[in-house]
Amino acid sequence: MRVTCDKCECDMKITSSFRYLCQKCGHEFEMAHIQDANKKYREENEKNIEWLKIRDHQIIIVS
């Protein structure tokens, strides 16, 4: 799954603390919230999220 920072448009990386981190602006987001969103999306659409953007504390599903 591709996770992009909506603020600076760079791809976020998984850190050892179970968070996604934007290398450019330092924005962090907990992986657990993304997993919860993916579970709900998978139940409704029978597939996983391919790409999402993180805006502050909001998850935006792109595809």
C-alpha atoms as a PDB file:
ATOM      1  CA  MET A   1       0.000   0.000   0.000  1.00  0.00           C
ATOM      2  CA  ARG A   2       1.287   3.410  -0.933  1.00  0.00           C
ATOM      3  CA  VAL A   3       0.920   6.035   1.818  1.00  0.00           C
ATOM      4  CA  THR A   4       1.511   9.652   0.782  1.00  0.00           C
ATOM      5  CA  CYS A   5       1.799  12.793   2.890  1.00  0.00           C
ATOM      6  CA  ASP A   6      -0.886  15.178   1.610  1.00  0.00           C
ATOM      7  CA  LYS A   7       1.129  18.160   2.877  1.00  0.00           C
ATOM      8  CA  CYS A   8       4.253  17.698   0.752  1.00  0.00           C
ATOM      9  CA  GLU A   9       3.190  14.818  -1.559  1.00  0.00           C
ATOM     10  CA  CYS A  10       6.088  12.509  -0.617  1.00  0.00           C
ATOM     11  CA  ASP A  11       5.703   8.815   0.164  1.00  0.00           C
ATOM     12  CA  MET A  12       5.763   8.040   3.865  1.00  0.00           C
ATOM     13  CA  LYS A  13       7.994   5.264   5.232  1.00  0.00           C
ATOM     14  CA  ILE A  14       7.282   2.763   8.013  1.00  0.00           C
ATOM     15  CA  THR A  15       9.372   3.377  11.133  1.00  0.00           C
ATOM     16  CA  SER A  16      10.364   0.869  13.783  1.00  0.00           C
ATOM     17  CA  SER A  17       7.832   2.411  16.170  1.00  0.00           C
ATOM     18  CA  PHE A  18       4.904   1.197  14.025  1.00  0.00           C
ATOM     19  CA  ARG A  19       4.262   4.580  12.500  1.00  0.00           C
ATOM     20  CA  TYR A  20       4.428   6.032   9.049  1.00  0.00           C
ATOM     21  CA  LEU A  21       6.825   8.969   8.811  1.00  0.00           C
ATOM     22  CA  CYS A  22       7.148  11.658   6.140  1.00  0.00           C
ATOM     23  CA  GLN A  23      10.852  12.123   5.482  1.00  0.00           C
ATOM     24  CA  LYS A  24      10.414  15.713   4.249  1.00  0.00           C
ATOM     25  CA  CYS A  25       8.124  17.397   6.771  1.00  0.00           C
ATOM     26  CA  GLY A  26       8.320  14.960   9.701  1.00  0.00           C
ATOM     27  CA  HIS A  27       4.575  14.198   9.796  1.00  0.00           C
ATOM     28  CA  GLU A  28       3.870  10.901  11.628  1.00  0.00           C
ATOM     29  CA  PHE A  29       0.793   8.684  11.539  1.00  0.00           C
ATOM     30  CA  GLU A  30       0.045   5.499  13.478  1.00  0.00           C
ATOM     31  CA  MET A  31      -0.072   2.349  11.398  1.00  0.00           C
ATOM     32  CA  ALA A  32      -2.984   0.986  13.486  1.00  0.00           C
ATOM     33  CA  HIS A  33      -5.315   3.675  12.103  1.00  0.00           C
ATOM     34  CA  ILE A  34      -4.356   2.753   8.547  1.00  0.00           C
ATOM     35  CA  GLN A  35      -4.915  -0.940   9.257  1.00  0.00           C
ATOM     36  CA  ASP A  36      -8.370  -0.190  10.686  1.00  0.00           C
ATOM     37  CA  ALA A  37      -9.289   1.863   7.615  1.00  0.00           C
ATOM     38  CA  ASN A  38      -8.030  -0.895   5.312  1.00  0.00           C
ATOM     39  CA  LYS A  39     -10.052  -3.534   7.178  1.00  0.00           C
ATOM     40  CA  LYS A  40     -13.249  -1.506   6.799  1.00  0.00           C
ATOM     41  CA  TYR A  41     -12.482  -0.784   3.125  1.00  0.00           C
ATOM     42  CA  ARG A  42     -11.754  -4.477   2.445  1.00  0.00           C
ATOM     43  CA  GLU A  43     -15.060  -5.537   4.033  1.00  0.00           C
ATOM     44  CA  GLU A  44     -16.994  -3.048   1.876  1.00  0.00           C
ATOM     45  CA  ASN A  45     -15.072  -3.432  -1.413  1.00  0.00           C
ATOM     46  CA  GLU A  46     -13.553  -6.939  -1.206  1.00  0.00           C
ATOM     47  CA  LYS A  47     -10.074  -5.570  -1.903  1.00  0.00           C
ATOM     48  CA  ASN A  48      -7.318  -3.700  -0.062  1.00  0.00           C
ATOM     49  CA  ILE A  49      -6.564  -0.006  -0.348  1.00  0.00           C
ATOM     50  CA  GLU A  50      -3.882   0.553  -2.973  1.00  0.00           C
ATOM     51  CA  TRP A  51      -3.062   4.194  -2.211  1.00  0.00           C
ATOM     52  CA  LEU A  52      -4.034   6.650   0.477  1.00  0.00           C
ATOM     53  CA  LYS A  53      -3.028  10.100   1.600  1.00  0.00           C
ATOM     54  CA  ILE A  54      -2.601  11.350   5.141  1.00  0.00           C
ATOM     55  CA  ARG A  55      -3.810  14.876   5.905  1.00  0.00           C
ATOM     56  CA  ASP A  56      -3.108  15.796   9.540  1.00  0.00           C
ATOM     57  CA  HIS A  57      -5.068  13.032  11.328  1.00  0.00           C
ATOM     58  CA  GLN A  58      -7.358  12.210   8.389  1.00  0.00           C
ATOM     59  CA  ILE A  59      -7.083   9.269   5.978  1.00  0.00           C
ATOM     60  CA  ILE A  60      -8.014  10.001   2.351  1.00  0.00           C
ATOM     61  CA  ILE A  61      -8.428   6.926   0.145  1.00  0.00           C
ATOM     62  CA  VAL A  62      -7.165   7.622  -3.378  1.00  0.00           C
ATOM     63  CA  SER A  63      -7.616   4.117  -4.821  1.00  0.00           C
END
